[in-house]
Amino acid sequence: MNFHNTSRAGTKWNEEEDNKLMKSVLNGEKIEDIACKHQRTIHAIKSRIILNSSEIMKRDNLKLEDVCKLYDISLEDINYYNTQKSRGKIKNNLSNINLQFNFHKGFLNILININKYFQK
């Protein structure tokens, strides 16, 4: 297996990097090579291609089939991306609910202790 530097993984994408990414795809570069060049994971590159191609499809009023062919992505890739995105949202929502619960639980304990203090 070929490992590469992914030091930019997790950093915010900018417009210049997005443009270079999409140009590389249009030039027929391999995903692995693009990932190396951008110092990101292969999954991040595929996800970004799907995200950007979706925006291009809306902007240029293109059909899904045309965008898939142009940017060498499949419906399976898109479905996988959407599934992962949905799981992330669900996970984030559960984390937020857990944080809110813990906050309220902590606040309730404070109120109970205050009540005990004044009952003495």
Protein backbone atom coordinates (compact mmCIF):
# COMPACT_ATOMS: atom_id res chain seq x y z
CA MET A 1 0.00 0.00 0.00
CA ASN A 2 1.28 3.46 -0.89
CA PHE A 3 1.13 5.97 1.97
CA HIS A 4 1.49 9.69 1.40
CA ASN A 5 1.67 12.88 3.42
CA THR A 6 -1.81 13.91 4.58
CA SER A 7 -0.71 16.87 6.68
CA ARG A 8 -3.47 19.07 5.25
CA ALA A 9 -6.18 16.60 6.27
CA GLY A 10 -8.88 18.40 8.20
CA THR A 11 -7.80 21.89 7.13
CA LYS A 12 -10.34 24.11 5.45
CA TRP A 13 -10.45 24.07 1.67
CA ASN A 14 -10.11 27.38 -0.15
CA GLU A 15 -11.30 28.41 -3.60
CA GLU A 16 -7.83 28.16 -5.16
CA GLU A 17 -7.33 24.60 -3.89
CA ASP A 18 -10.82 23.62 -5.07
CA ASN A 19 -10.07 25.00 -8.54
CA LYS A 20 -6.77 23.11 -8.72
CA LEU A 21 -8.51 19.93 -7.59
CA MET A 22 -11.21 20.11 -10.23
CA LYS A 23 -8.70 21.03 -12.95
CA SER A 24 -6.60 17.99 -11.99
CA VAL A 25 -9.65 15.74 -12.31
CA LEU A 26 -10.53 17.22 -15.70
CA ASN A 27 -6.92 16.62 -16.80
CA GLY A 28 -7.38 12.92 -15.99
CA GLU A 29 -5.01 12.74 -13.02
CA LYS A 30 -5.43 9.74 -10.73
CA ILE A 31 -7.18 10.32 -7.39
CA GLU A 32 -4.14 8.97 -5.54
CA ASP A 33 -1.84 11.48 -7.26
CA ILE A 34 -4.23 14.33 -6.55
CA ALA A 35 -4.39 13.31 -2.89
CA CYS A 36 -0.58 13.35 -2.70
CA LYS A 37 -0.41 16.75 -4.36
CA HIS A 38 -3.00 18.24 -1.98
CA GLN A 39 -1.66 16.35 1.07
CA ARG A 40 -5.12 15.04 1.84
CA THR A 41 -6.73 11.64 2.16
CA ILE A 42 -8.19 9.89 -0.87
CA HIS A 43 -11.59 9.96 0.84
CA ALA A 44 -11.32 13.75 1.30
CA ILE A 45 -10.44 14.20 -2.37
CA LYS A 46 -13.38 12.07 -3.54
CA SER A 47 -15.75 13.85 -1.17
CA ARG A 48 -14.58 17.25 -2.35
CA ILE A 49 -14.94 16.28 -6.01
CA ILE A 50 -18.52 15.21 -5.31
CA LEU A 51 -19.29 18.38 -3.36
CA ASN A 52 -17.78 20.64 -6.01
CA SER A 53 -19.35 18.78 -8.92
CA SER A 54 -22.72 19.11 -7.22
CA GLU A 55 -22.26 22.88 -7.06
CA ILE A 56 -21.11 22.97 -10.70
CA MET A 57 -24.15 20.91 -11.71
CA LYS A 58 -26.49 23.42 -10.07
CA ARG A 59 -24.59 26.48 -11.32
CA ASP A 60 -24.28 25.31 -14.93
CA ASN A 61 -27.65 23.51 -15.02
CA LEU A 62 -26.02 20.19 -15.96
CA LYS A 63 -27.49 16.72 -15.71
CA LEU A 64 -26.19 14.32 -13.07
CA GLU A 65 -25.04 11.87 -15.72
CA ASP A 66 -23.00 14.58 -17.45
CA VAL A 67 -21.32 15.67 -14.23
CA CYS A 68 -20.52 12.07 -13.29
CA LYS A 69 -18.90 11.48 -16.67
CA LEU A 70 -17.05 14.80 -16.68
CA TYR A 71 -15.56 14.36 -13.19
CA ASP A 72 -15.24 10.56 -13.27
CA ILE A 73 -17.55 9.89 -10.32
CA SER A 74 -20.17 7.19 -10.00
CA LEU A 75 -23.60 7.11 -8.45
CA GLU A 76 -22.13 4.68 -5.89
CA ASP A 77 -19.55 7.34 -4.96
CA ILE A 78 -22.31 9.90 -4.51
CA ASN A 79 -24.47 7.52 -2.46
CA TYR A 80 -21.48 6.64 -0.26
CA TYR A 81 -20.72 10.35 0.26
CA ASN A 82 -24.34 11.09 1.16
CA THR A 83 -24.45 8.13 3.58
CA GLN A 84 -21.26 9.25 5.31
CA LYS A 85 -22.49 12.83 5.44
CA SER A 86 -25.78 11.69 6.98
CA ARG A 87 -23.97 9.55 9.56
CA GLY A 88 -21.82 12.52 10.48
CA LYS A 89 -24.90 14.69 10.98
CA ILE A 90 -26.54 12.02 13.10
CA LYS A 91 -23.35 11.59 15.13
CA ASN A 92 -23.04 15.36 15.59
CA ASN A 93 -26.69 15.63 16.63
CA LEU A 94 -26.24 12.83 19.18
CA SER A 95 -23.13 14.54 20.53
CA ASN A 96 -25.03 17.81 20.89
CA ILE A 97 -27.90 16.07 22.67
CA ASN A 98 -25.43 14.37 25.02
CA LEU A 99 -23.72 17.70 25.77
CA GLN A 100 -27.06 19.36 26.45
CA PHE A 101 -28.12 16.50 28.70
CA ASN A 102 -24.86 16.65 30.67
CA PHE A 103 -25.19 20.43 31.02
CA HIS A 104 -28.76 20.14 32.32
CA LYS A 105 -27.79 17.26 34.61
CA GLY A 106 -24.93 19.37 36.04
CA PHE A 107 -27.19 22.39 36.42
CA LEU A 108 -29.80 20.26 38.19
CA ASN A 109 -27.14 19.01 40.63
CA ILE A 110 -26.18 22.61 41.41
CA LEU A 111 -29.81 23.50 42.10
CA ILE A 112 -30.20 20.44 44.35
CA ASN A 113 -27.10 21.43 46.32
CA ILE A 114 -28.33 25.04 46.65
CA ASN A 115 -31.70 23.75 47.86
CA LYS A 116 -29.97 21.47 50.43
CA TYR A 117 -27.88 24.41 51.64
CA PHE A 118 -30.93 26.58 52.30
CA GLN A 119 -32.85 23.75 53.99
CA LYS A 120 -30.24 23.55 56.79
